[in-house]
C-alpha atoms as a PDB file:
ATOM      1  CA  MET A   1       3.210 -70.228  76.180  1.00  0.00           C
ATOM      2  CA  ASN A   2       5.205 -73.211  74.740  1.00  0.00           C
ATOM      3  CA  VAL A   3       6.603 -72.547  71.487  1.00  0.00           C
ATOM      4  CA  SER A   4       7.996 -75.416  69.130  1.00  0.00           C
ATOM      5  CA  PHE A   5      11.787 -75.364  67.923  1.00  0.00           C
ATOM      6  CA  LYS A   6      10.386 -75.163  64.409  1.00  0.00           C
ATOM      7  CA  THR A   7       8.040 -72.560  65.070  1.00  0.00           C
ATOM      8  CA  TRP A   8      10.747 -70.296  66.982  1.00  0.00           C
ATOM      9  CA  MET A   9      12.980 -70.847  63.668  1.00  0.00           C
ATOM     10  CA  GLN A  10      10.189 -70.055  61.257  1.00  0.00           C
ATOM     11  CA  ARG A  11       9.542 -66.785  62.663  1.00  0.00           C
ATOM     12  CA  PHE A  12      13.740 -65.680  63.125  1.00  0.00           C
ATOM     13  CA  GLN A  13      14.280 -66.328  59.290  1.00  0.00           C
ATOM     14  CA  ARG A  14      11.057 -63.715  58.381  1.00  0.00           C
ATOM     15  CA  LYS A  15      12.679 -61.007  60.592  1.00  0.00           C
ATOM     16  CA  GLU A  16      16.253 -61.445  59.405  1.00  0.00           C
ATOM     17  CA  THR A  17      14.858 -61.318  55.893  1.00  0.00           C
ATOM     18  CA  LEU A  18      12.922 -57.998  56.792  1.00  0.00           C
ATOM     19  CA  TYR A  19      15.831 -56.534  58.562  1.00  0.00           C
ATOM     20  CA  PHE A  20      18.066 -57.292  55.696  1.00  0.00           C
ATOM     21  CA  ALA A  21      16.027 -55.639  52.759  1.00  0.00           C
ATOM     22  CA  LEU A  22      15.569 -52.210  55.523  1.00  0.00           C
ATOM     23  CA  GLY A  23      19.251 -52.118  55.771  1.00  0.00           C
ATOM     24  CA  ILE A  24      19.883 -52.601  51.941  1.00  0.00           C
ATOM     25  CA  GLY A  25      17.284 -49.650  51.160  1.00  0.00           C
ATOM     26  CA  ILE A  26      19.116 -47.295  54.073  1.00  0.00           C
ATOM     27  CA  ALA A  27      22.505 -48.241  52.486  1.00  0.00           C
ATOM     28  CA  LEU A  28      21.053 -47.245  48.737  1.00  0.00           C
ATOM     29  CA  GLY A  29      19.397 -43.960  50.598  1.00  0.00           C
ATOM     30  CA  ILE A  30      22.829 -42.532  51.703  1.00  0.00           C
ATOM     31  CA  PHE A  31      24.580 -43.287  48.790  1.00  0.00           C
ATOM     32  CA  TRP A  32      22.127 -41.253  46.091  1.00  0.00           C
ATOM     33  CA  PHE A  33      21.612 -38.357  48.666  1.00  0.00           C
ATOM     34  CA  TRP A  34      24.886 -38.292  50.338  1.00  0.00           C
ATOM     35  CA  PRO A  35      25.364 -34.586  50.301  1.00  0.00           C
ATOM     36  CA  GLY A  36      28.778 -34.855  48.893  1.00  0.00           C
ATOM     37  CA  LYS A  37      27.271 -36.729  45.705  1.00  0.00           C
ATOM     38  CA  GLU A  38      26.828 -34.838  42.734  1.00  0.00           C
ATOM     39  CA  GLN A  39      23.621 -34.892  40.975  1.00  0.00           C
ATOM     40  CA  PRO A  40      23.510 -35.567  37.242  1.00  0.00           C
ATOM     41  CA  ALA A  41      23.077 -32.212  34.970  1.00  0.00           C
ATOM     42  CA  PRO A  42      19.367 -31.989  33.327  1.00  0.00           C
ATOM     43  CA  PRO A  43      20.122 -32.156  29.524  1.00  0.00           C
ATOM     44  CA  PRO A  44      20.130 -28.871  27.671  1.00  0.00           C
ATOM     45  CA  LYS A  45      16.946 -27.988  26.082  1.00  0.00           C
ATOM     46  CA  ALA A  46      16.847 -26.615  22.404  1.00  0.00           C
ATOM     47  CA  TYR A  47      15.395 -23.115  22.129  1.00  0.00           C
ATOM     48  CA  GLU A  48      14.597 -21.340  18.683  1.00  0.00           C
ATOM     49  CA  SER A  49      17.561 -18.543  18.465  1.00  0.00           C
ATOM     50  CA  VAL A  50      19.205 -16.159  15.936  1.00  0.00           C
ATOM     51  CA  ARG A  51      23.094 -15.034  15.555  1.00  0.00           C
ATOM     52  CA  LEU A  52      22.828 -11.566  15.121  1.00  0.00           C
ATOM     53  CA  GLY A  53      24.089  -9.450  12.648  1.00  0.00           C
ATOM     54  CA  PRO A  54      23.589  -5.544  10.821  1.00  0.00           C
ATOM     55  CA  GLN A  55      19.910  -5.297   9.142  1.00  0.00           C
ATOM     56  CA  ASP A  56      17.735  -2.376   8.541  1.00  0.00           C
ATOM     57  CA  VAL A  57      15.008  -1.767  10.833  1.00  0.00           C
ATOM     58  CA  VAL A  58      11.915  -0.560   9.267  1.00  0.00           C
ATOM     59  CA  LYS A  59       8.649   0.864  10.498  1.00  0.00           C
ATOM     60  CA  THR A  60       5.788   1.328   8.398  1.00  0.00           C
ATOM     61  CA  VAL A  61       2.345   2.840   8.901  1.00  0.00           C
ATOM     62  CA  SER A  62      -1.077   1.295   7.513  1.00  0.00           C
ATOM     63  CA  LEU A  63      -2.828   4.307   5.451  1.00  0.00           C
ATOM     64  CA  PRO A  64      -6.068   4.241   3.193  1.00  0.00           C
ATOM     65  CA  CYS A  65      -5.860   5.323  -0.395  1.00  0.00           C
ATOM     66  CA  PHE A  66      -7.995   5.950  -3.219  1.00  0.00           C
ATOM     67  CA  VAL A  67      -7.413   4.251  -6.881  1.00  0.00           C
ATOM     68  CA  ARG A  68      -8.012   6.184  -9.552  1.00  0.00           C
ATOM     69  CA  PRO A  69      -6.586   5.869 -12.914  1.00  0.00           C
ATOM     70  CA  ASP A  70      -4.564   8.714 -14.233  1.00  0.00           C
ATOM     71  CA  LYS A  71      -6.249  10.122 -16.903  1.00  0.00           C
ATOM     72  CA  HIS A  72     -10.294  10.029 -16.208  1.00  0.00           C
ATOM     73  CA  THR A  73     -13.164  12.501 -17.373  1.00  0.00           C
ATOM     74  CA  THR A  74     -16.608  12.524 -16.310  1.00  0.00           C
ATOM     75  CA  PHE A  75     -18.910  14.399 -19.248  1.00  0.00           C
ATOM     76  CA  THR A  76     -21.997  15.935 -17.833  1.00  0.00           C
ATOM     77  CA  ALA A  77     -24.454  17.633 -19.949  1.00  0.00           C
ATOM     78  CA  LEU A  78     -24.218  21.328 -20.329  1.00  0.00           C
ATOM     79  CA  LYS A  79     -27.467  21.816 -22.121  1.00  0.00           C
ATOM     80  CA  ALA A  80     -30.637  20.023 -21.250  1.00  0.00           C
ATOM     81  CA  GLY A  81     -32.234  17.727 -23.577  1.00  0.00           C
ATOM     82  CA  PHE A  82     -32.129  13.962 -24.770  1.00  0.00           C
ATOM     83  CA  LEU A  83     -29.553  11.511 -25.691  1.00  0.00           C
ATOM     84  CA  LYS A  84     -30.212  10.623 -29.581  1.00  0.00           C
ATOM     85  CA  VAL A  85     -27.499   8.645 -30.468  1.00  0.00           C
ATOM     86  CA  ILE A  86     -24.398   6.302 -29.078  1.00  0.00           C
ATOM     87  CA  HIS A  87     -21.596   5.662 -31.227  1.00  0.00           C
ATOM     88  CA  VAL A  88     -19.555   3.330 -29.063  1.00  0.00           C
ATOM     89  CA  GLN A  89     -20.566   0.499 -27.107  1.00  0.00           C
ATOM     90  CA  GLU A  90     -19.360   0.564 -23.311  1.00  0.00           C
ATOM     91  CA  GLY A  91     -15.753  -0.630 -22.662  1.00  0.00           C
ATOM     92  CA  GLU A  92     -14.843  -0.394 -25.950  1.00  0.00           C
ATOM     93  CA  PRO A  93     -11.722   1.178 -27.045  1.00  0.00           C
ATOM     94  CA  VAL A  94     -11.599   4.646 -28.044  1.00  0.00           C
ATOM     95  CA  THR A  95      -9.119   7.334 -29.224  1.00  0.00           C
ATOM     96  CA  ALA A  96      -8.783  11.330 -28.696  1.00  0.00           C
ATOM     97  CA  GLY A  97     -11.198  12.848 -30.605  1.00  0.00           C
ATOM     98  CA  GLN A  98     -13.739  10.319 -31.069  1.00  0.00           C
ATOM     99  CA  ILE A  99     -17.324  11.266 -30.392  1.00  0.00           C
ATOM    100  CA  LEU A 100     -19.021   8.912 -27.879  1.00  0.00           C
ATOM    101  CA  ALA A 101     -22.625   9.893 -27.858  1.00  0.00           C
ATOM    102  CA  GLU A 102     -24.882  12.829 -28.943  1.00  0.00           C
ATOM    103  CA  MET A 103     -27.843  14.343 -27.688  1.00  0.00           C
ATOM    104  CA  GLU A 104     -30.469  16.128 -30.064  1.00  0.00           C
ATOM    105  CA  ASN A 105     -28.913  18.430 -32.381  1.00  0.00           C
ATOM    106  CA  ASP A 106     -30.557  18.905 -35.444  1.00  0.00           C
ATOM    107  CA  ALA A 107     -31.047  22.662 -35.395  1.00  0.00           C
ATOM    108  CA  TYR A 108     -27.459  23.140 -34.214  1.00  0.00           C
ATOM    109  CA  GLN A 109     -26.255  20.676 -36.979  1.00  0.00           C
ATOM    110  CA  LYS A 110     -27.597  22.607 -39.533  1.00  0.00           C
ATOM    111  CA  SER A 111     -26.510  25.811 -38.031  1.00  0.00           C
ATOM    112  CA  TYR A 112     -22.974  24.384 -37.979  1.00  0.00           C
ATOM    113  CA  GLU A 113     -23.443  23.611 -41.697  1.00  0.00           C
ATOM    114  CA  TYR A 114     -24.836  26.836 -42.535  1.00  0.00           C
ATOM    115  CA  HIS A 115     -21.820  29.108 -40.960  1.00  0.00           C
ATOM    116  CA  LYS A 116     -19.470  26.602 -42.651  1.00  0.00           C
ATOM    117  CA  ASN A 117     -20.300  27.568 -45.965  1.00  0.00           C
ATOM    118  CA  LYS A 118     -20.636  31.023 -45.120  1.00  0.00           C
ATOM    119  CA  VAL A 119     -17.068  31.065 -44.073  1.00  0.00           C
ATOM    120  CA  GLU A 120     -15.804  29.258 -47.665  1.00  0.00           C
ATOM    121  CA  LEU A 121     -17.820  32.014 -49.562  1.00  0.00           C
ATOM    122  CA  TYR A 122     -16.557  34.738 -47.634  1.00  0.00           C
ATOM    123  CA  GLU A 123     -12.748  33.117 -47.917  1.00  0.00           C
ATOM    124  CA  LYS A 124     -13.057  32.814 -51.844  1.00  0.00           C
ATOM    125  CA  ALA A 125     -14.828  36.277 -51.688  1.00  0.00           C
ATOM    126  CA  TYR A 126     -11.624  37.742 -49.960  1.00  0.00           C
ATOM    127  CA  ALA A 127      -9.318  35.679 -51.989  1.00  0.00           C
ATOM    128  CA  ARG A 128     -10.819  37.352 -54.776  1.00  0.00           C
ATOM    129  CA  GLN A 129     -10.301  40.971 -53.301  1.00  0.00           C
ATOM    130  CA  GLN A 130      -6.523  40.531 -52.695  1.00  0.00           C
ATOM    131  CA  LYS A 131      -5.856  39.585 -56.345  1.00  0.00           C
ATOM    132  CA  LEU A 132      -8.382  42.533 -57.548  1.00  0.00           C
ATOM    133  CA  SER A 133      -6.281  44.829 -54.868  1.00  0.00           C
ATOM    134  CA  LYS A 134      -3.177  44.633 -56.825  1.00  0.00           C
ATOM    135  CA  THR A 135      -4.603  45.417 -60.523  1.00  0.00           C
ATOM    136  CA  LYS A 136      -6.655  48.995 -60.951  1.00  0.00           C
ATOM    137  CA  ALA A 137      -9.814  47.155 -60.925  1.00  0.00           C
ATOM    138  CA  GLY A 138      -9.750  46.694 -56.691  1.00  0.00           C
ATOM    139  CA  SER A 139      -9.721  48.990 -54.083  1.00  0.00           C
ATOM    140  CA  SER A 140      -8.747  49.235 -50.236  1.00  0.00           C
ATOM    141  CA  LYS A 141     -12.569  49.551 -49.316  1.00  0.00           C
ATOM    142  CA  ALA A 142     -13.255  46.638 -51.086  1.00  0.00           C
ATOM    143  CA  LEU A 143     -10.179  44.523 -49.841  1.00  0.00           C
ATOM    144  CA  GLU A 144     -11.604  45.712 -46.181  1.00  0.00           C
ATOM    145  CA  THR A 145     -14.801  45.253 -46.269  1.00  0.00           C
ATOM    146  CA  ALA A 146     -14.385  41.495 -47.347  1.00  0.00           C
ATOM    147  CA  GLY A 147     -12.124  41.056 -44.900  1.00  0.00           C
ATOM    148  CA  HIS A 148     -14.696  42.137 -41.992  1.00  0.00           C
ATOM    149  CA  ASN A 149     -17.191  39.641 -43.944  1.00  0.00           C
ATOM    150  CA  LEU A 150     -15.045  36.975 -43.583  1.00  0.00           C
ATOM    151  CA  LEU A 151     -13.891  37.308 -39.620  1.00  0.00           C
ATOM    152  CA  LYS A 152     -17.489  37.579 -38.650  1.00  0.00           C
ATOM    153  CA  ALA A 153     -18.244  34.898 -40.653  1.00  0.00           C
ATOM    154  CA  GLN A 154     -15.491  32.969 -38.921  1.00  0.00           C
ATOM    155  CA  ILE A 155     -16.497  33.924 -35.623  1.00  0.00           C
ATOM    156  CA  ASP A 156     -20.032  32.531 -36.210  1.00  0.00           C
ATOM    157  CA  PHE A 157     -18.643  29.636 -37.517  1.00  0.00           C
ATOM    158  CA  GLU A 158     -16.553  29.064 -34.330  1.00  0.00           C
ATOM    159  CA  GLU A 159     -19.795  29.881 -32.065  1.00  0.00           C
ATOM    160  CA  SER A 160     -21.622  27.331 -34.038  1.00  0.00           C
ATOM    161  CA  ARG A 161     -19.694  24.611 -33.711  1.00  0.00           C
ATOM    162  CA  GLN A 162     -18.960  25.118 -29.832  1.00  0.00           C
ATOM    163  CA  ASP A 163     -22.714  24.838 -29.922  1.00  0.00           C
ATOM    164  CA  LEU A 164     -22.698  21.822 -31.982  1.00  0.00           C
ATOM    165  CA  ASP A 165     -19.926  20.220 -29.423  1.00  0.00           C
ATOM    166  CA  GLU A 166     -21.697  20.816 -25.992  1.00  0.00           C
ATOM    167  CA  ARG A 167     -24.170  18.647 -27.373  1.00  0.00           C
ATOM    168  CA  ARG A 168     -21.627  16.031 -28.069  1.00  0.00           C
ATOM    169  CA  PHE A 169     -19.534  14.009 -25.901  1.00  0.00           C
ATOM    170  CA  ILE A 170     -15.826  13.404 -27.209  1.00  0.00           C
ATOM    171  CA  ALA A 171     -13.213  11.216 -25.858  1.00  0.00           C
ATOM    172  CA  PRO A 172     -10.177  13.984 -24.869  1.00  0.00           C
ATOM    173  CA  PHE A 173      -7.748  10.979 -24.752  1.00  0.00           C
ATOM    174  CA  ASP A 174      -6.910   7.175 -25.713  1.00  0.00           C
ATOM    175  CA  GLY A 175      -8.486   5.085 -23.319  1.00  0.00           C
ATOM    176  CA  ILE A 176     -11.591   2.788 -22.387  1.00  0.00           C
ATOM    177  CA  CYS A 177     -15.577   4.365 -22.205  1.00  0.00           C
ATOM    178  CA  GLY A 178     -17.326   3.941 -19.338  1.00  0.00           C
ATOM    179  CA  VAL A 179     -20.996   2.790 -18.988  1.00  0.00           C
ATOM    180  CA  PHE A 180     -23.641   5.024 -20.175  1.00  0.00           C
ATOM    181  CA  LEU A 181     -25.419   6.792 -16.932  1.00  0.00           C
ATOM    182  CA  LYS A 182     -28.110   7.865 -19.617  1.00  0.00           C
ATOM    183  CA  LYS A 183     -30.297   5.754 -22.243  1.00  0.00           C
ATOM    184  CA  LEU A 184     -31.114   6.470 -25.316  1.00  0.00           C
ATOM    185  CA  GLY A 185     -34.398   8.874 -25.812  1.00  0.00           C
ATOM    186  CA  GLN A 186     -33.980   9.485 -21.795  1.00  0.00           C
ATOM    187  CA  PRO A 187     -34.304  13.268 -20.548  1.00  0.00           C
ATOM    188  CA  ILE A 188     -31.120  14.780 -19.230  1.00  0.00           C
ATOM    189  CA  SER A 189     -30.874  17.824 -17.370  1.00  0.00           C
ATOM    190  CA  GLU A 190     -28.062  20.431 -17.170  1.00  0.00           C
ATOM    191  CA  GLY A 191     -25.215  18.794 -15.276  1.00  0.00           C
ATOM    192  CA  ASP A 192     -26.217  15.350 -15.287  1.00  0.00           C
ATOM    193  CA  ALA A 193     -23.877  12.896 -15.482  1.00  0.00           C
ATOM    194  CA  VAL A 194     -23.882  10.785 -19.276  1.00  0.00           C
ATOM    195  CA  VAL A 195     -20.540   8.779 -19.717  1.00  0.00           C
ATOM    196  CA  SER A 196     -16.785   8.647 -18.476  1.00  0.00           C
ATOM    197  CA  VAL A 197     -13.860   7.934 -20.234  1.00  0.00           C
ATOM    198  CA  SER A 198     -10.213   6.411 -18.414  1.00  0.00           C
ATOM    199  CA  ASP A 199      -7.043   5.002 -19.456  1.00  0.00           C
ATOM    200  CA  PRO A 200      -6.361   2.138 -17.211  1.00  0.00           C
ATOM    201  CA  THR A 201      -3.052   2.991 -16.875  1.00  0.00           C
ATOM    202  CA  PRO A 202      -1.067   3.801 -15.504  1.00  0.00           C
ATOM    203  CA  LEU A 203      -2.931   4.132 -11.481  1.00  0.00           C
ATOM    204  CA  ARG A 204      -2.635   6.902  -9.537  1.00  0.00           C
ATOM    205  CA  LEU A 205      -3.091   6.266  -5.516  1.00  0.00           C
ATOM    206  CA  GLN A 206      -4.625   9.104  -3.741  1.00  0.00           C
ATOM    207  CA  ILE A 207      -2.877   9.101  -0.039  1.00  0.00           C
ATOM    208  CA  PRO A 208      -4.531  11.204   3.188  1.00  0.00           C
ATOM    209  CA  VAL A 209      -1.004  11.280   5.460  1.00  0.00           C
ATOM    210  CA  PRO A 210      -1.427  12.215   9.086  1.00  0.00           C
ATOM    211  CA  VAL A 211       0.712  15.488  10.309  1.00  0.00           C
ATOM    212  CA  SER A 212       2.484  13.643  12.932  1.00  0.00           C
ATOM    213  CA  ILE A 213       4.312  11.440  10.140  1.00  0.00           C
ATOM    214  CA  LEU A 214       4.176  14.059   7.507  1.00  0.00           C
ATOM    215  CA  GLU A 215       7.833  15.926   7.945  1.00  0.00           C
ATOM    216  CA  LYS A 216       9.084  12.066   7.523  1.00  0.00           C
ATOM    217  CA  VAL A 217       7.670  11.173   4.161  1.00  0.00           C
ATOM    218  CA  GLY A 218       8.624  12.815   0.810  1.00  0.00           C
ATOM    219  CA  LYS A 219       9.223  12.157  -2.591  1.00  0.00           C
ATOM    220  CA  GLY A 220      10.390   8.633  -3.332  1.00  0.00           C
ATOM    221  CA  SER A 221       9.270   7.402   0.340  1.00  0.00           C
ATOM    222  CA  PRO A 222       9.091   3.499  -0.279  1.00  0.00           C
ATOM    223  CA  ILE A 223       5.561   2.221  -0.276  1.00  0.00           C
ATOM    224  CA  VAL A 224       3.846  -1.161  -0.628  1.00  0.00           C
ATOM    225  CA  CYS A 225       0.064  -1.610  -2.085  1.00  0.00           C
ATOM    226  CA  ALA A 226      -1.205  -4.898  -3.237  1.00  0.00           C
ATOM    227  CA  GLY A 227       2.274  -6.480  -2.218  1.00  0.00           C
ATOM    228  CA  ILE A 228       3.777  -4.322  -4.984  1.00  0.00           C
ATOM    229  CA  ALA A 229       6.609  -1.896  -4.308  1.00  0.00           C
ATOM    230  CA  GLY A 230       6.628   1.455  -5.222  1.00  0.00           C
ATOM    231  CA  THR A 231       7.381   5.118  -3.987  1.00  0.00           C
ATOM    232  CA  LEU A 232       5.504   8.343  -3.932  1.00  0.00           C
ATOM    233  CA  SER A 233       5.729  10.470  -6.884  1.00  0.00           C
ATOM    234  CA  ALA A 234       4.495  13.900  -4.755  1.00  0.00           C
ATOM    235  CA  VAL A 235       3.632  14.935  -1.159  1.00  0.00           C
ATOM    236  CA  GLN A 236       1.650  17.823  -0.428  1.00  0.00           C
ATOM    237  CA  LYS A 237       3.758  19.088   3.404  1.00  0.00           C
ATOM    238  CA  THR A 238       0.928  21.613   4.048  1.00  0.00           C
ATOM    239  CA  ALA A 239      -2.010  20.199   6.182  1.00  0.00           C
ATOM    240  CA  ASP A 240      -5.468  20.609   4.989  1.00  0.00           C
ATOM    241  CA  PRO A 241      -7.570  23.014   7.359  1.00  0.00           C
ATOM    242  CA  GLU A 242     -10.467  20.699   7.045  1.00  0.00           C
ATOM    243  CA  THR A 243      -9.415  17.040   7.283  1.00  0.00           C
ATOM    244  CA  GLY A 244      -6.223  18.178   9.170  1.00  0.00           C
ATOM    245  CA  MET A 245      -4.464  16.068   6.790  1.00  0.00           C
ATOM    246  CA  GLY A 246      -1.511  15.873   4.274  1.00  0.00           C
ATOM    247  CA  PHE A 247      -1.678  14.486   0.912  1.00  0.00           C
ATOM    248  CA  ALA A 248       0.470  12.107  -1.496  1.00  0.00           C
ATOM    249  CA  THR A 249       0.351  10.468  -4.805  1.00  0.00           C
ATOM    250  CA  ALA A 250       2.024   7.749  -6.060  1.00  0.00           C
ATOM    251  CA  THR A 251       1.955   6.021  -9.565  1.00  0.00           C
ATOM    252  CA  TYR A 252       1.634   2.372 -10.314  1.00  0.00           C
ATOM    253  CA  GLU A 253       1.532   0.941 -13.887  1.00  0.00           C
ATOM    254  CA  SER A 254      -0.917  -2.050 -12.936  1.00  0.00           C
ATOM    255  CA  LEU A 255      -2.192  -3.540  -9.367  1.00  0.00           C
ATOM    256  CA  PRO A 256      -3.791  -7.015  -9.641  1.00  0.00           C
ATOM    257  CA  ASN A 257      -7.083  -7.723  -8.344  1.00  0.00           C
ATOM    258  CA  ILE A 258      -7.757  -3.345  -7.505  1.00  0.00           C
ATOM    259  CA  VAL A 259     -10.620  -1.887  -9.207  1.00  0.00           C
ATOM    260  CA  PRO A 260      -9.792   1.589 -10.340  1.00  0.00           C
ATOM    261  CA  GLY A 261     -12.178   3.743  -8.215  1.00  0.00           C
ATOM    262  CA  THR A 262     -11.868   2.006  -4.836  1.00  0.00           C
ATOM    263  CA  HIS A 263     -10.334   2.469  -2.066  1.00  0.00           C
ATOM    264  CA  THR A 264      -7.381  -0.051  -0.881  1.00  0.00           C
ATOM    265  CA  MET A 265      -4.637   0.262   2.311  1.00  0.00           C
ATOM    266  CA  VAL A 266      -1.183   0.695   1.336  1.00  0.00           C
ATOM    267  CA  GLN A 267       2.159   0.670   3.885  1.00  0.00           C
ATOM    268  CA  LEU A 268       4.080   3.500   4.112  1.00  0.00           C
ATOM    269  CA  GLU A 269       7.722   3.457   5.255  1.00  0.00           C
ATOM    270  CA  VAL A 270       8.222   6.512   7.782  1.00  0.00           C
ATOM    271  CA  GLU A 271      11.683   5.454   9.185  1.00  0.00           C
ATOM    272  CA  ARG A 272      14.550   3.364   8.624  1.00  0.00           C
ATOM    273  CA  ARG A 273      17.666   2.679  10.554  1.00  0.00           C
ATOM    274  CA  LYS A 274      20.423   0.959   7.744  1.00  0.00           C
ATOM    275  CA  SER A 275      22.697  -1.845   9.116  1.00  0.00           C
ATOM    276  CA  VAL A 276      22.243  -2.117  12.812  1.00  0.00           C
ATOM    277  CA  VAL A 277      22.212  -4.826  15.720  1.00  0.00           C
ATOM    278  CA  SER A 278      18.552  -5.622  15.672  1.00  0.00           C
ATOM    279  CA  ILE A 279      16.697  -8.596  17.124  1.00  0.00           C
ATOM    280  CA  PRO A 280      12.963  -9.896  16.673  1.00  0.00           C
ATOM    281  CA  ARG A 281      10.078  -7.814  18.737  1.00  0.00           C
ATOM    282  CA  GLN A 282       9.636 -10.828  20.397  1.00  0.00           C
ATOM    283  CA  ALA A 283      12.703 -11.396  21.759  1.00  0.00           C
ATOM    284  CA  VAL A 284      12.189  -8.407  24.212  1.00  0.00           C
ATOM    285  CA  PHE A 285      10.816  -9.035  27.652  1.00  0.00           C
ATOM    286  CA  LEU A 286      10.236  -6.629  30.865  1.00  0.00           C
ATOM    287  CA  LYS A 287      12.151  -7.343  34.052  1.00  0.00           C
ATOM    288  CA  GLU A 288      11.273  -5.049  36.547  1.00  0.00           C
ATOM    289  CA  GLY A 289       9.948  -2.684  34.056  1.00  0.00           C
ATOM    290  CA  LYS A 290      12.982  -3.131  31.862  1.00  0.00           C
ATOM    291  CA  PRO A 291      13.639  -4.304  28.667  1.00  0.00           C
ATOM    292  CA  HIS A 292      15.920  -7.539  28.749  1.00  0.00           C
ATOM    293  CA  ALA A 293      16.765 -10.278  26.559  1.00  0.00           C
ATOM    294  CA  ILE A 294      18.424 -13.641  26.698  1.00  0.00           C
ATOM    295  CA  LYS A 295      21.749 -14.299  24.578  1.00  0.00           C
ATOM    296  CA  ILE A 296      23.248 -17.889  24.885  1.00  0.00           C
ATOM    297  CA  VAL A 297      26.818 -17.534  26.027  1.00  0.00           C
ATOM    298  CA  ASP A 298      28.904 -21.133  26.726  1.00  0.00           C
ATOM    299  CA  GLY A 299      25.961 -23.212  26.534  1.00  0.00           C
ATOM    300  CA  LYS A 300      23.979 -21.168  29.056  1.00  0.00           C
ATOM    301  CA  ALA A 301      21.156 -18.697  29.036  1.00  0.00           C
ATOM    302  CA  GLN A 302      22.321 -15.130  30.146  1.00  0.00           C
ATOM    303  CA  GLU A 303      19.422 -12.575  31.087  1.00  0.00           C
ATOM    304  CA  THR A 304      21.030  -8.977  29.463  1.00  0.00           C
ATOM    305  CA  PRO A 305      19.387  -5.663  30.029  1.00  0.00           C
ATOM    306  CA  VAL A 306      19.316  -3.844  26.984  1.00  0.00           C
ATOM    307  CA  VAL A 307      18.507  -0.477  25.300  1.00  0.00           C
ATOM    308  CA  LEU A 308      16.248  -0.017  22.363  1.00  0.00           C
ATOM    309  CA  GLY A 309      16.407   2.347  19.725  1.00  0.00           C
ATOM    310  CA  LEU A 310      13.410   2.313  16.548  1.00  0.00           C
ATOM    311  CA  GLU A 311      11.103  -0.074  16.822  1.00  0.00           C
ATOM    312  CA  GLY A 312      10.044  -1.335  13.785  1.00  0.00           C
ATOM    313  CA  ASP A 313       7.657  -3.363  12.157  1.00  0.00           C
ATOM    314  CA  THR A 314       9.490  -6.875  13.418  1.00  0.00           C
ATOM    315  CA  LEU A 315      12.798  -5.856  14.518  1.00  0.00           C
ATOM    316  CA  VAL A 316      13.719  -3.229  17.130  1.00  0.00           C
ATOM    317  CA  GLU A 317      16.925  -1.670  17.043  1.00  0.00           C
ATOM    318  CA  ILE A 318      19.572  -2.624  19.946  1.00  0.00           C
ATOM    319  CA  LYS A 319      21.784   0.204  21.030  1.00  0.00           C
ATOM    320  CA  GLU A 320      23.446  -0.893  24.252  1.00  0.00           C
ATOM    321  CA  GLY A 321      23.736  -4.546  25.704  1.00  0.00           C
ATOM    322  CA  LEU A 322      24.242  -7.219  22.220  1.00  0.00           C
ATOM    323  CA  LYS A 323      26.325  -6.976  19.672  1.00  0.00           C
ATOM    324  CA  SER A 324      26.770  -8.583  16.299  1.00  0.00           C
ATOM    325  CA  ASP A 325      27.530 -12.410  16.409  1.00  0.00           C
ATOM    326  CA  ASP A 326      25.644 -12.790  20.037  1.00  0.00           C
ATOM    327  CA  ILE A 327      23.066 -15.762  19.937  1.00  0.00           C
ATOM    328  CA  LEU A 328      20.097 -14.996  21.038  1.00  0.00           C
ATOM    329  CA  VAL A 329      16.813 -16.863  22.155  1.00  0.00           C
ATOM    330  CA  ILE A 330      13.881 -15.323  20.345  1.00  0.00           C
ATOM    331  CA  LEU A 331      11.046 -17.871  21.317  1.00  0.00           C
ATOM    332  CA  GLY A 332      10.157 -19.710  25.108  1.00  0.00           C
ATOM    333  CA  GLN A 333      12.508 -17.256  26.594  1.00  0.00           C
ATOM    334  CA  GLU A 334       9.981 -16.695  29.377  1.00  0.00           C
ATOM    335  CA  ASN A 335      10.956 -20.459  30.698  1.00  0.00           C
ATOM    336  CA  LEU A 336      14.692 -19.629  31.224  1.00  0.00           C
ATOM    337  CA  ASN A 337      16.793 -18.139  33.937  1.00  0.00           C
ATOM    338  CA  THR A 338      20.464 -17.444  33.772  1.00  0.00           C
ATOM    339  CA  GLY A 339      22.597 -20.031  33.966  1.00  0.00           C
ATOM    340  CA  ASP A 340      19.890 -23.089  32.525  1.00  0.00           C
ATOM    341  CA  PRO A 341      21.704 -24.956  29.839  1.00  0.00           C
ATOM    342  CA  VAL A 342      20.214 -24.116  26.126  1.00  0.00           C
ATOM    343  CA  THR A 343      20.999 -25.254  22.602  1.00  0.00           C
ATOM    344  CA  PRO A 344      20.683 -23.130  19.929  1.00  0.00           C
ATOM    345  CA  LEU A 345      17.953 -23.698  17.712  1.00  0.00           C
ATOM    346  CA  PHE A 346      18.580 -21.540  14.223  1.00  0.00           C
ATOM    347  CA  LYS A 347      16.175 -20.112  12.688  1.00  0.00           C
ATOM    348  CA  GLU A 348      16.310 -17.727   9.435  1.00  0.00           C
ATOM    349  CA  ALA A 349      16.023 -14.184  11.077  1.00  0.00           C
ATOM    350  CA  ALA A 350      13.451 -11.872  10.793  1.00  0.00           C
ATOM    351  CA  SER A 351      13.692  -8.977   8.367  1.00  0.00           C
ATOM    352  CA  ARG A 352      12.233  -5.485   8.028  1.00  0.00           C
END
């Protein structure tokens, strides 16, 4: 097959270009991937970190409690009848000794007035006999009789007063009148609740305490209710045989948005370690069943086994493995291995 010189030269030039490009590619590959060539280190990634220092580790438990006014009383009818008159408005401030309402009491009122007048008469008679006893016109027997009559009149008067008071509802202390559960003219049975009086300040918290933590708390133990710090004012160290719970109380001057007579929650401190090396709970991870953390040493991650102490609400006490001023990765540590380059991104350390 005859090939012209011009065609042969064109084919040669194309092959020459192909061989040249192939040679350049092989040379570059040898240059970049030759075993003796060091690869550039990847830039270090930033991870949220903290510098360790002594902090308090606090463990709390959340418990339900009942909120009631420190002073509260509910009036119940001591006798059957009906409500005759209401002297105060619901929700109105009242003072100690003020009559809130009365049941029908006409006969008792008349008896009270009768015996009151009788006492006044016998008091005058007794005083007259005392004066006469100092003269020849008096006698010891007349004085004794007058004294006996006065005493009996006073007893009868006291009984009539008690009968009348049993049909009245009288505020025992300064406070706020509650809602009347019975209306005017409505029949009332003995033992029926009629109205209450309470002093809204201070408030008393009644807190049932599980036996498992009863020995860890006492008078003065810190609590938090509705975001306000307080302390226990008293603790009953024996368990109730019916509920199996201990009992504690706390007093607050006020609690915003908490209605007396309702239930709410409190955080009760049960244990505290003061000024210890601690780390956020999320910084701990398990490796081969043992707790570890990652600290940064010379710009590189280092997996470190740790021995834990008290596990608080947000912090964990570290007994061994870390010390103050260590820099610890607290977020994203699951993506790190020992030796990985790391840049600490400092955030404010957790508390409690």
